[in-house]
Amino acid sequence: MTKKLLQSRAGSLRAPQMDQSFLAYAPKPAYLTADQIAPLIGCRDGQEFRRKREDLERDQDFPLPMPTCQRPLKWRRSEVEAWIARQGLPRSQASQTTLALNDSMLKAAARA
């Protein structure tokens, strides 16, 4: 076999790159850990969420974790998402929205 033929055959043995766009349609896990909840509610990390957890449960009716002796603690995704929907946006996003609303209100008032 010639050198070019061997190179072309060797090149065809490479595994094709898989399209991983199907991962966007994968089912979401039914349970969330503190590290997964933290960004959803505007905390820096799971440790900050764990520090605030008792206050959230007591004062803002945050869902309780699943009753289990296993670690890490897990919360039902559906309950956390429902709580977030009742609360509105996380503080970090809410402050940006408030600033945008205040700016547009000031512009409207200046035009009036």
PDB file of N, CA and C in Angstrom:
ATOM      1  N   MET A   1       0.842  -1.188   0.000  1.00  0.00           N
ATOM      2  CA  MET A   1       0.000   0.000   0.000  1.00  0.00           C
ATOM      3  C   MET A   1       0.878   1.240   0.000  1.00  0.00           C
ATOM      4  N   THR A   2       0.374   2.234  -0.631  1.00  0.00           N
ATOM      5  CA  THR A   2       1.142   3.460  -0.687  1.00  0.00           C
ATOM      6  C   THR A   2       0.945   4.247   0.591  1.00  0.00           C
ATOM      7  N   LYS A   3       1.830   5.207   0.812  1.00  0.00           N
ATOM      8  CA  LYS A   3       1.792   6.030   2.025  1.00  0.00           C
ATOM      9  C   LYS A   3       0.504   6.858   2.082  1.00  0.00           C
ATOM     10  N   LYS A   4       0.068   7.416   0.955  1.00  0.00           N
ATOM     11  CA  LYS A   4      -1.150   8.227   0.932  1.00  0.00           C
ATOM     12  C   LYS A   4      -2.379   7.379   1.268  1.00  0.00           C
ATOM     13  N   LEU A   5      -2.442   6.166   0.758  1.00  0.00           N
ATOM     14  CA  LEU A   5      -3.570   5.289   1.020  1.00  0.00           C
ATOM     15  C   LEU A   5      -3.630   4.941   2.509  1.00  0.00           C
ATOM     16  N   LEU A   6      -2.478   4.657   3.092  1.00  0.00           N
ATOM     17  CA  LEU A   6      -2.439   4.344   4.531  1.00  0.00           C
ATOM     18  C   LEU A   6      -2.878   5.544   5.363  1.00  0.00           C
ATOM     19  N   GLN A   7      -2.463   6.736   4.982  1.00  0.00           N
ATOM     20  CA  GLN A   7      -2.854   7.937   5.727  1.00  0.00           C
ATOM     21  C   GLN A   7      -4.358   8.166   5.622  1.00  0.00           C
ATOM     22  N   SER A   8      -4.928   7.941   4.451  1.00  0.00           N
ATOM     23  CA  SER A   8      -6.365   8.163   4.305  1.00  0.00           C
ATOM     24  C   SER A   8      -7.156   7.143   5.109  1.00  0.00           C
ATOM     25  N   ARG A   9      -6.702   5.893   5.142  1.00  0.00           N
ATOM     26  CA  ARG A   9      -7.394   4.876   5.935  1.00  0.00           C
ATOM     27  C   ARG A   9      -7.249   5.152   7.424  1.00  0.00           C
ATOM     28  N   ALA A  10      -6.086   5.579   7.852  1.00  0.00           N
ATOM     29  CA  ALA A  10      -5.876   5.878   9.269  1.00  0.00           C
ATOM     30  C   ALA A  10      -6.749   7.050   9.703  1.00  0.00           C
ATOM     31  N   GLY A  11      -6.919   8.020   8.804  1.00  0.00           N
ATOM     32  CA  GLY A  11      -7.749   9.174   9.124  1.00  0.00           C
ATOM     33  C   GLY A  11      -9.209   8.795   9.286  1.00  0.00           C
ATOM     34  N   SER A  12      -9.661   7.765   8.596  1.00  0.00           N
ATOM     35  CA  SER A  12     -11.069   7.387   8.677  1.00  0.00           C
ATOM     36  C   SER A  12     -11.362   6.568   9.929  1.00  0.00           C
ATOM     37  N   LEU A  13     -10.352   6.153  10.653  1.00  0.00           N
ATOM     38  CA  LEU A  13     -10.565   5.358  11.859  1.00  0.00           C
ATOM     39  C   LEU A  13     -10.885   6.205  13.077  1.00  0.00           C
ATOM     40  N   ARG A  14     -10.736   7.514  12.968  1.00  0.00           N
ATOM     41  CA  ARG A  14     -11.063   8.384  14.094  1.00  0.00           C
ATOM     42  C   ARG A  14     -12.549   8.331  14.392  1.00  0.00           C
ATOM     43  N   ALA A  15     -12.867   8.356  15.659  1.00  0.00           N
ATOM     44  CA  ALA A  15     -14.277   8.348  16.061  1.00  0.00           C
ATOM     45  C   ALA A  15     -14.907   9.681  15.698  1.00  0.00           C
ATOM     46  N   PRO A  16     -16.092   9.651  15.131  1.00  0.00           N
ATOM     47  CA  PRO A  16     -16.745  10.916  14.781  1.00  0.00           C
ATOM     48  C   PRO A  16     -17.143  11.677  16.050  1.00  0.00           C
ATOM     49  N   GLN A  17     -17.124  12.989  15.957  1.00  0.00           N
ATOM     50  CA  GLN A  17     -17.543  13.819  17.081  1.00  0.00           C
ATOM     51  C   GLN A  17     -19.051  13.698  17.241  1.00  0.00           C
ATOM     52  N   MET A  18     -19.470  13.411  18.478  1.00  0.00           N
ATOM     53  CA  MET A  18     -20.901  13.243  18.719  1.00  0.00           C
ATOM     54  C   MET A  18     -21.556  14.588  18.989  1.00  0.00           C
ATOM     55  N   ASP A  19     -22.713  14.752  18.436  1.00  0.00           N
ATOM     56  CA  ASP A  19     -23.525  15.928  18.701  1.00  0.00           C
ATOM     57  C   ASP A  19     -24.178  15.738  20.063  1.00  0.00           C
ATOM     58  N   GLN A  20     -23.911  16.647  21.004  1.00  0.00           N
ATOM     59  CA  GLN A  20     -24.445  16.497  22.354  1.00  0.00           C
ATOM     60  C   GLN A  20     -25.595  17.454  22.623  1.00  0.00           C
ATOM     61  N   SER A  21     -26.237  17.937  21.572  1.00  0.00           N
ATOM     62  CA  SER A  21     -27.358  18.844  21.765  1.00  0.00           C
ATOM     63  C   SER A  21     -28.542  18.142  22.425  1.00  0.00           C
ATOM     64  N   PHE A  22     -28.569  16.821  22.365  1.00  0.00           N
ATOM     65  CA  PHE A  22     -29.653  16.078  22.997  1.00  0.00           C
ATOM     66  C   PHE A  22     -29.646  16.249  24.514  1.00  0.00           C
ATOM     67  N   LEU A  23     -28.518  16.647  25.088  1.00  0.00           N
ATOM     68  CA  LEU A  23     -28.440  16.822  26.540  1.00  0.00           C
ATOM     69  C   LEU A  23     -29.367  17.922  27.031  1.00  0.00           C
ATOM     70  N   ALA A  24     -29.685  18.882  26.176  1.00  0.00           N
ATOM     71  CA  ALA A  24     -30.600  19.956  26.565  1.00  0.00           C
ATOM     72  C   ALA A  24     -31.996  19.409  26.834  1.00  0.00           C
ATOM     73  N   TYR A  25     -32.317  18.268  26.246  1.00  0.00           N
ATOM     74  CA  TYR A  25     -33.639  17.674  26.414  1.00  0.00           C
ATOM     75  C   TYR A  25     -33.669  16.589  27.483  1.00  0.00           C
ATOM     76  N   ALA A  26     -32.544  16.344  28.123  1.00  0.00           N
ATOM     77  CA  ALA A  26     -32.491  15.323  29.165  1.00  0.00           C
ATOM     78  C   ALA A  26     -33.358  15.762  30.345  1.00  0.00           C
ATOM     79  N   PRO A  27     -34.008  14.818  30.998  1.00  0.00           N
ATOM     80  CA  PRO A  27     -34.853  15.200  32.131  1.00  0.00           C
ATOM     81  C   PRO A  27     -34.023  15.805  33.262  1.00  0.00           C
ATOM     82  N   LYS A  28     -34.591  16.801  33.913  1.00  0.00           N
ATOM     83  CA  LYS A  28     -33.909  17.430  35.029  1.00  0.00           C
ATOM     84  C   LYS A  28     -34.024  16.519  36.239  1.00  0.00           C
ATOM     85  N   PRO A  29     -33.019  16.543  37.114  1.00  0.00           N
ATOM     86  CA  PRO A  29     -33.116  15.695  38.307  1.00  0.00           C
ATOM     87  C   PRO A  29     -34.287  16.135  39.180  1.00  0.00           C
ATOM     88  N   ALA A  30     -34.917  15.169  39.834  1.00  0.00           N
ATOM     89  CA  ALA A  30     -36.088  15.458  40.665  1.00  0.00           C
ATOM     90  C   ALA A  30     -35.700  16.120  41.980  1.00  0.00           C
ATOM     91  N   TYR A  31     -34.453  15.965  42.380  1.00  0.00           N
ATOM     92  CA  TYR A  31     -33.988  16.503  43.660  1.00  0.00           C
ATOM     93  C   TYR A  31     -32.785  17.411  43.446  1.00  0.00           C
ATOM     94  N   LEU A  32     -32.671  18.441  44.278  1.00  0.00           N
ATOM     95  CA  LEU A  32     -31.580  19.409  44.186  1.00  0.00           C
ATOM     96  C   LEU A  32     -30.773  19.420  45.468  1.00  0.00           C
ATOM     97  N   THR A  33     -29.464  19.638  45.345  1.00  0.00           N
ATOM     98  CA  THR A  33     -28.596  19.813  46.512  1.00  0.00           C
ATOM     99  C   THR A  33     -28.476  21.301  46.809  1.00  0.00           C
ATOM    100  N   ALA A  34     -27.863  21.633  47.928  1.00  0.00           N
ATOM    101  CA  ALA A  34     -27.673  23.032  48.311  1.00  0.00           C
ATOM    102  C   ALA A  34     -26.849  23.774  47.259  1.00  0.00           C
ATOM    103  N   ASP A  35     -25.861  23.120  46.689  1.00  0.00           N
ATOM    104  CA  ASP A  35     -25.030  23.753  45.662  1.00  0.00           C
ATOM    105  C   ASP A  35     -25.822  24.060  44.397  1.00  0.00           C
ATOM    106  N   GLN A  36     -26.845  23.251  44.098  1.00  0.00           N
ATOM    107  CA  GLN A  36     -27.672  23.502  42.919  1.00  0.00           C
ATOM    108  C   GLN A  36     -28.736  24.561  43.198  1.00  0.00           C
ATOM    109  N   ILE A  37     -29.199  24.649  44.438  1.00  0.00           N
ATOM    110  CA  ILE A  37     -30.233  25.621  44.806  1.00  0.00           C
ATOM    111  C   ILE A  37     -29.653  27.029  44.892  1.00  0.00           C
ATOM    112  N   ALA A  38     -28.430  27.154  45.394  1.00  0.00           N
ATOM    113  CA  ALA A  38     -27.830  28.465  45.662  1.00  0.00           C
ATOM    114  C   ALA A  38     -27.952  29.447  44.495  1.00  0.00           C
ATOM    115  N   PRO A  39     -27.515  29.108  43.279  1.00  0.00           N
ATOM    116  CA  PRO A  39     -27.627  30.097  42.203  1.00  0.00           C
ATOM    117  C   PRO A  39     -29.073  30.404  41.816  1.00  0.00           C
ATOM    118  N   LEU A  40     -29.973  29.474  42.065  1.00  0.00           N
ATOM    119  CA  LEU A  40     -31.375  29.697  41.722  1.00  0.00           C
ATOM    120  C   LEU A  40     -32.018  30.769  42.586  1.00  0.00           C
ATOM    121  N   ILE A  41     -31.534  30.894  43.832  1.00  0.00           N
ATOM    122  CA  ILE A  41     -32.150  31.862  44.748  1.00  0.00           C
ATOM    123  C   ILE A  41     -31.249  33.065  45.021  1.00  0.00           C
ATOM    124  N   GLY A  42     -30.141  33.167  44.290  1.00  0.00           N
ATOM    125  CA  GLY A  42     -29.301  34.353  44.400  1.00  0.00           C
ATOM    126  C   GLY A  42     -28.190  34.274  45.433  1.00  0.00           C
ATOM    127  N   CYS A  43     -27.833  33.068  45.881  1.00  0.00           N
ATOM    128  CA  CYS A  43     -26.710  32.905  46.812  1.00  0.00           C
ATOM    129  C   CYS A  43     -25.441  32.622  46.018  1.00  0.00           C
ATOM    130  N   ARG A  44     -24.297  33.002  46.617  1.00  0.00           N
ATOM    131  CA  ARG A  44     -23.009  32.778  45.939  1.00  0.00           C
ATOM    132  C   ARG A  44     -22.721  31.296  45.760  1.00  0.00           C
ATOM    133  N   ASP A  45     -22.958  30.510  46.819  1.00  0.00           N
ATOM    134  CA  ASP A  45     -22.633  29.087  46.782  1.00  0.00           C
ATOM    135  C   ASP A  45     -23.511  28.333  47.779  1.00  0.00           C
ATOM    136  N   GLY A  46     -23.337  27.014  47.811  1.00  0.00           N
ATOM    137  CA  GLY A  46     -24.130  26.185  48.698  1.00  0.00           C
ATOM    138  C   GLY A  46     -23.902  26.501  50.161  1.00  0.00           C
ATOM    139  N   GLN A  47     -22.699  26.905  50.506  1.00  0.00           N
ATOM    140  CA  GLN A  47     -22.393  27.228  51.905  1.00  0.00           C
ATOM    141  C   GLN A  47     -23.205  28.443  52.370  1.00  0.00           C
ATOM    142  N   GLU A  48     -23.317  29.467  51.536  1.00  0.00           N
ATOM    143  CA  GLU A  48     -24.120  30.638  51.893  1.00  0.00           C
ATOM    144  C   GLU A  48     -25.597  30.247  52.033  1.00  0.00           C
ATOM    145  N   PHE A  49     -26.072  29.394  51.113  1.00  0.00           N
ATOM    146  CA  PHE A  49     -27.461  28.940  51.211  1.00  0.00           C
ATOM    147  C   PHE A  49     -27.691  28.183  52.515  1.00  0.00           C
ATOM    148  N   ARG A  50     -26.758  27.293  52.881  1.00  0.00           N
ATOM    149  CA  ARG A  50     -26.924  26.515  54.120  1.00  0.00           C
ATOM    150  C   ARG A  50     -26.957  27.421  55.341  1.00  0.00           C
ATOM    151  N   ARG A  51     -26.190  28.518  55.316  1.00  0.00           N
ATOM    152  CA  ARG A  51     -26.224  29.458  56.445  1.00  0.00           C
ATOM    153  C   ARG A  51     -27.582  30.161  56.537  1.00  0.00           C
ATOM    154  N   LYS A  52     -28.192  30.457  55.396  1.00  0.00           N
ATOM    155  CA  LYS A  52     -29.468  31.180  55.368  1.00  0.00           C
ATOM    156  C   LYS A  52     -30.676  30.257  55.455  1.00  0.00           C
ATOM    157  N   ARG A  53     -30.448  28.967  55.346  1.00  0.00           N
ATOM    158  CA  ARG A  53     -31.547  28.015  55.208  1.00  0.00           C
ATOM    159  C   ARG A  53     -32.574  28.098  56.327  1.00  0.00           C
ATOM    160  N   GLU A  54     -32.153  28.104  57.567  1.00  0.00           N
ATOM    161  CA  GLU A  54     -33.098  28.130  58.685  1.00  0.00           C
ATOM    162  C   GLU A  54     -33.966  29.382  58.650  1.00  0.00           C
ATOM    163  N   ASP A  55     -33.362  30.531  58.357  1.00  0.00           N
ATOM    164  CA  ASP A  55     -34.138  31.771  58.260  1.00  0.00           C
ATOM    165  C   ASP A  55     -35.144  31.702  57.104  1.00  0.00           C
ATOM    166  N   LEU A  56     -34.714  31.151  55.989  1.00  0.00           N
ATOM    167  CA  LEU A  56     -35.615  31.023  54.845  1.00  0.00           C
ATOM    168  C   LEU A  56     -36.794  30.110  55.179  1.00  0.00           C
ATOM    169  N   GLU A  57     -36.511  29.007  55.861  1.00  0.00           N
ATOM    170  CA  GLU A  57     -37.580  28.072  56.226  1.00  0.00           C
ATOM    171  C   GLU A  57     -38.543  28.714  57.225  1.00  0.00           C
ATOM    172  N   ARG A  58     -38.001  29.422  58.193  1.00  0.00           N
ATOM    173  CA  ARG A  58     -38.825  30.009  59.245  1.00  0.00           C
ATOM    174  C   ARG A  58     -39.588  31.236  58.753  1.00  0.00           C
ATOM    175  N   ASP A  59     -38.900  32.149  58.080  1.00  0.00           N
ATOM    176  CA  ASP A  59     -39.490  33.445  57.739  1.00  0.00           C
ATOM    177  C   ASP A  59     -40.170  33.484  56.372  1.00  0.00           C
ATOM    178  N   GLN A  60     -39.685  32.683  55.423  1.00  0.00           N
ATOM    179  CA  GLN A  60     -40.200  32.796  54.057  1.00  0.00           C
ATOM    180  C   GLN A  60     -40.793  31.489  53.534  1.00  0.00           C
ATOM    181  N   ASP A  61     -41.022  30.544  54.425  1.00  0.00           N
ATOM    182  CA  ASP A  61     -41.691  29.297  54.067  1.00  0.00           C
ATOM    183  C   ASP A  61     -40.950  28.515  52.982  1.00  0.00           C
ATOM    184  N   PHE A  62     -39.598  28.503  53.061  1.00  0.00           N
ATOM    185  CA  PHE A  62     -38.810  27.717  52.114  1.00  0.00           C
ATOM    186  C   PHE A  62     -39.081  26.239  52.370  1.00  0.00           C
ATOM    187  N   PRO A  63     -39.157  25.410  51.326  1.00  0.00           N
ATOM    188  CA  PRO A  63     -39.463  23.986  51.525  1.00  0.00           C
ATOM    189  C   PRO A  63     -38.411  23.284  52.377  1.00  0.00           C
ATOM    190  N   LEU A  64     -38.854  22.309  53.135  1.00  0.00           N
ATOM    191  CA  LEU A  64     -37.956  21.515  53.964  1.00  0.00           C
ATOM    192  C   LEU A  64     -37.252  20.477  53.104  1.00  0.00           C
ATOM    193  N   PRO A  65     -36.037  20.065  53.501  1.00  0.00           N
ATOM    194  CA  PRO A  65     -35.343  19.021  52.736  1.00  0.00           C
ATOM    195  C   PRO A  65     -36.054  17.680  52.909  1.00  0.00           C
ATOM    196  N   MET A  66     -35.723  16.755  52.056  1.00  0.00           N
ATOM    197  CA  MET A  66     -36.286  15.416  52.141  1.00  0.00           C
ATOM    198  C   MET A  66     -35.867  14.783  53.464  1.00  0.00           C
ATOM    199  N   PRO A  67     -36.781  14.088  54.137  1.00  0.00           N
ATOM    200  CA  PRO A  67     -36.412  13.442  55.395  1.00  0.00           C
ATOM    201  C   PRO A  67     -35.549  12.204  55.122  1.00  0.00           C
ATOM    202  N   THR A  68     -34.270  12.351  55.344  1.00  0.00           N
ATOM    203  CA  THR A  68     -33.328  11.261  55.114  1.00  0.00           C
ATOM    204  C   THR A  68     -32.106  11.467  55.987  1.00  0.00           C
ATOM    205  N   CYS A  69     -31.410  10.390  56.265  1.00  0.00           N
ATOM    206  CA  CYS A  69     -30.179  10.520  57.053  1.00  0.00           C
ATOM    207  C   CYS A  69     -28.963  10.608  56.133  1.00  0.00           C
ATOM    208  N   GLN A  70     -29.191  10.548  54.834  1.00  0.00           N
ATOM    209  CA  GLN A  70     -28.083  10.618  53.885  1.00  0.00           C
ATOM    210  C   GLN A  70     -27.653  12.058  53.669  1.00  0.00           C
ATOM    211  N   ARG A  71     -26.405  12.248  53.350  1.00  0.00           N
ATOM    212  CA  ARG A  71     -25.870  13.550  53.008  1.00  0.00           C
ATOM    213  C   ARG A  71     -25.394  13.490  51.577  1.00  0.00           C
ATOM    214  N   PRO A  72     -25.484  14.524  50.804  1.00  0.00           N
ATOM    215  CA  PRO A  72     -25.959  15.852  51.153  1.00  0.00           C
ATOM    216  C   PRO A  72     -27.484  15.883  51.221  1.00  0.00           C
ATOM    217  N   LEU A  73     -27.995  16.892  51.924  1.00  0.00           N
ATOM    218  CA  LEU A  73     -29.433  17.093  51.976  1.00  0.00           C
ATOM    219  C   LEU A  73     -29.950  17.377  50.575  1.00  0.00           C
ATOM    220  N   LYS A  74     -31.186  16.960  50.312  1.00  0.00           N
ATOM    221  CA  LYS A  74     -31.783  17.202  48.993  1.00  0.00           C
ATOM    222  C   LYS A  74     -33.189  17.740  49.168  1.00  0.00           C
ATOM    223  N   TRP A  75     -33.572  18.606  48.224  1.00  0.00           N
ATOM    224  CA  TRP A  75     -34.891  19.218  48.209  1.00  0.00           C
ATOM    225  C   TRP A  75     -35.577  18.805  46.919  1.00  0.00           C
ATOM    226  N   ARG A  76     -36.899  18.697  46.960  1.00  0.00           N
ATOM    227  CA  ARG A  76     -37.652  18.402  45.737  1.00  0.00           C
ATOM    228  C   ARG A  76     -37.584  19.602  44.800  1.00  0.00           C
ATOM    229  N   ARG A  77     -37.197  19.347  43.564  1.00  0.00           N
ATOM    230  CA  ARG A  77     -37.082  20.412  42.568  1.00  0.00           C
ATOM    231  C   ARG A  77     -38.412  21.143  42.406  1.00  0.00           C
ATOM    232  N   SER A  78     -39.506  20.409  42.342  1.00  0.00           N
ATOM    233  CA  SER A  78     -40.815  21.027  42.117  1.00  0.00           C
ATOM    234  C   SER A  78     -41.173  21.994  43.246  1.00  0.00           C
ATOM    235  N   GLU A  79     -40.847  21.640  44.489  1.00  0.00           N
ATOM    236  CA  GLU A  79     -41.151  22.518  45.619  1.00  0.00           C
ATOM    237  C   GLU A  79     -40.286  23.772  45.602  1.00  0.00           C
ATOM    238  N   VAL A  80     -39.010  23.606  45.268  1.00  0.00           N
ATOM    239  CA  VAL A  80     -38.104  24.757  45.212  1.00  0.00           C
ATOM    240  C   VAL A  80     -38.527  25.702  44.091  1.00  0.00           C
ATOM    241  N   GLU A  81     -38.861  25.156  42.922  1.00  0.00           N
ATOM    242  CA  GLU A  81     -39.285  26.001  41.802  1.00  0.00           C
ATOM    243  C   GLU A  81     -40.587  26.723  42.122  1.00  0.00           C
ATOM    244  N   ALA A  82     -41.501  26.045  42.814  1.00  0.00           N
ATOM    245  CA  ALA A  82     -42.760  26.699  43.212  1.00  0.00           C
ATOM    246  C   ALA A  82     -42.484  27.821  44.208  1.00  0.00           C
ATOM    247  N   TRP A  83     -41.565  27.602  45.144  1.00  0.00           N
ATOM    248  CA  TRP A  83     -41.213  28.641  46.121  1.00  0.00           C
ATOM    249  C   TRP A  83     -40.607  29.849  45.409  1.00  0.00           C
ATOM    250  N   ILE A  84     -39.713  29.592  44.456  1.00  0.00           N
ATOM    251  CA  ILE A  84     -39.081  30.684  43.704  1.00  0.00           C
ATOM    252  C   ILE A  84     -40.146  31.473  42.947  1.00  0.00           C
ATOM    253  N   ALA A  85     -41.105  30.783  42.349  1.00  0.00           N
ATOM    254  CA  ALA A  85     -42.167  31.471  41.614  1.00  0.00           C
ATOM    255  C   ALA A  85     -42.993  32.357  42.545  1.00  0.00           C
ATOM    256  N   ARG A  86     -43.215  31.905  43.775  1.00  0.00           N
ATOM    257  CA  ARG A  86     -43.968  32.723  44.740  1.00  0.00           C
ATOM    258  C   ARG A  86     -43.157  33.917  45.221  1.00  0.00           C
ATOM    259  N   GLN A  87     -41.835  33.797  45.259  1.00  0.00           N
ATOM    260  CA  GLN A  87     -40.969  34.845  45.794  1.00  0.00           C
ATOM    261  C   GLN A  87     -40.612  35.901  44.767  1.00  0.00           C
ATOM    262  N   GLY A  88     -40.610  35.563  43.511  1.00  0.00           N
ATOM    263  CA  GLY A  88     -40.155  36.495  42.485  1.00  0.00           C
ATOM    264  C   GLY A  88     -38.703  36.220  42.147  1.00  0.00           C
ATOM    265  N   LEU A  89     -38.006  37.232  41.683  1.00  0.00           N
ATOM    266  CA  LEU A  89     -36.616  37.092  41.252  1.00  0.00           C
ATOM    267  C   LEU A  89     -35.655  37.078  42.431  1.00  0.00           C
ATOM    268  N   PRO A  90     -34.478  36.417  42.280  1.00  0.00           N
ATOM    269  CA  PRO A  90     -33.441  36.540  43.296  1.00  0.00           C
ATOM    270  C   PRO A  90     -33.010  37.993  43.444  1.00  0.00           C
ATOM    271  N   ARG A  91     -32.482  38.349  44.604  1.00  0.00           N
ATOM    272  CA  ARG A  91     -32.084  39.738  44.877  1.00  0.00           C
ATOM    273  C   ARG A  91     -31.155  40.298  43.816  1.00  0.00           C
ATOM    274  N   SER A  92     -30.172  39.503  43.391  1.00  0.00           N
ATOM    275  CA  SER A  92     -29.204  40.002  42.415  1.00  0.00           C
ATOM    276  C   SER A  92     -29.903  40.396  41.108  1.00  0.00           C
ATOM    277  N   GLN A  93     -30.875  39.610  40.672  1.00  0.00           N
ATOM    278  CA  GLN A  93     -31.593  39.930  39.439  1.00  0.00           C
ATOM    279  C   GLN A  93     -32.632  41.014  39.687  1.00  0.00           C
ATOM    280  N   ALA A  94     -33.251  40.992  40.867  1.00  0.00           N
ATOM    281  CA  ALA A  94     -34.288  41.981  41.175  1.00  0.00           C
ATOM    282  C   ALA A  94     -33.694  43.382  41.232  1.00  0.00           C
ATOM    283  N   SER A  95     -32.487  43.526  41.783  1.00  0.00           N
ATOM    284  CA  SER A  95     -31.876  44.850  41.876  1.00  0.00           C
ATOM    285  C   SER A  95     -31.568  45.395  40.485  1.00  0.00           C
ATOM    286  N   GLN A  96     -31.152  44.540  39.561  1.00  0.00           N
ATOM    287  CA  GLN A  96     -30.889  44.988  38.193  1.00  0.00           C
ATOM    288  C   GLN A  96     -32.181  45.428  37.524  1.00  0.00           C
ATOM    289  N   THR A  97     -33.255  44.679  37.751  1.00  0.00           N
ATOM    290  CA  THR A  97     -34.551  45.027  37.174  1.00  0.00           C
ATOM    291  C   THR A  97     -35.052  46.336  37.758  1.00  0.00           C
ATOM    292  N   THR A  98     -34.880  46.510  39.085  1.00  0.00           N
ATOM    293  CA  THR A  98     -35.321  47.740  39.742  1.00  0.00           C
ATOM    294  C   THR A  98     -34.572  48.943  39.195  1.00  0.00           C
ATOM    295  N   LEU A  99     -33.263  48.783  38.994  1.00  0.00           N
ATOM    296  CA  LEU A  99     -32.480  49.891  38.436  1.00  0.00           C
ATOM    297  C   LEU A  99     -32.976  50.250  37.045  1.00  0.00           C
ATOM    298  N   ALA A 100     -33.266  49.263  36.230  1.00  0.00           N
ATOM    299  CA  ALA A 100     -33.753  49.524  34.878  1.00  0.00           C
ATOM    300  C   ALA A 100     -35.111  50.216  34.921  1.00  0.00           C
ATOM    301  N   LEU A 101     -35.987  49.771  35.829  1.00  0.00           N
ATOM    302  CA  LEU A 101     -37.295  50.395  35.946  1.00  0.00           C
ATOM    303  C   LEU A 101     -37.171  51.835  36.433  1.00  0.00           C
ATOM    304  N   ASN A 102     -36.308  52.074  37.432  1.00  0.00           N
ATOM    305  CA  ASN A 102     -36.115  53.427  37.934  1.00  0.00           C
ATOM    306  C   ASN A 102     -35.589  54.351  36.837  1.00  0.00           C
ATOM    307  N   ASP A 103     -34.664  53.851  36.037  1.00  0.00           N
ATOM    308  CA  ASP A 103     -34.100  54.650  34.948  1.00  0.00           C
ATOM    309  C   ASP A 103     -35.183  55.008  33.936  1.00  0.00           C
ATOM    310  N   SER A 104     -36.010  54.033  33.565  1.00  0.00           N
ATOM    311  CA  SER A 104     -37.065  54.328  32.585  1.00  0.00           C
ATOM    312  C   SER A 104     -38.113  55.265  33.172  1.00  0.00           C
ATOM    313  N   MET A 105     -38.401  55.158  34.465  1.00  0.00           N
ATOM    314  CA  MET A 105     -39.361  56.047  35.093  1.00  0.00           C
ATOM    315  C   MET A 105     -38.830  57.479  35.151  1.00  0.00           C
ATOM    316  N   LEU A 106     -37.542  57.631  35.422  1.00  0.00           N
ATOM    317  CA  LEU A 106     -36.927  58.959  35.450  1.00  0.00           C
ATOM    318  C   LEU A 106     -36.970  59.608  34.065  1.00  0.00           C
ATOM    319  N   LYS A 107     -36.711  58.822  33.031  1.00  0.00           N
ATOM    320  CA  LYS A 107     -36.758  59.357  31.671  1.00  0.00           C
ATOM    321  C   LYS A 107     -38.168  59.781  31.300  1.00  0.00           C
ATOM    322  N   ALA A 108     -39.166  58.973  31.706  1.00  0.00           N
ATOM    323  CA  ALA A 108     -40.566  59.313  31.416  1.00  0.00           C
ATOM    324  C   ALA A 108     -40.967  60.578  32.166  1.00  0.00           C
ATOM    325  N   ALA A 109     -40.511  60.729  33.398  1.00  0.00           N
ATOM    326  CA  ALA A 109     -40.834  61.911  34.181  1.00  0.00           C
ATOM    327  C   ALA A 109     -40.178  63.159  33.587  1.00  0.00           C
ATOM    328  N   ALA A 110     -38.980  63.005  33.047  1.00  0.00           N
ATOM    329  CA  ALA A 110     -38.281  64.150  32.442  1.00  0.00           C
ATOM    330  C   ALA A 110     -38.996  64.614  31.179  1.00  0.00           C
ATOM    331  N   ARG A 111     -39.601  63.672  30.453  1.00  0.00           N
ATOM    332  CA  ARG A 111     -40.325  64.033  29.228  1.00  0.00           C
ATOM    333  C   ARG A 111     -41.653  64.705  29.525  1.00  0.00           C
ATOM    334  N   ALA A 112     -42.209  64.423  30.688  1.00  0.00           N
ATOM    335  CA  ALA A 112     -43.559  64.938  31.007  1.00  0.00           C
ATOM    336  C   ALA A 112     -43.544  66.405  31.342  1.00  0.00           C
TER     337      ALA A 112
END
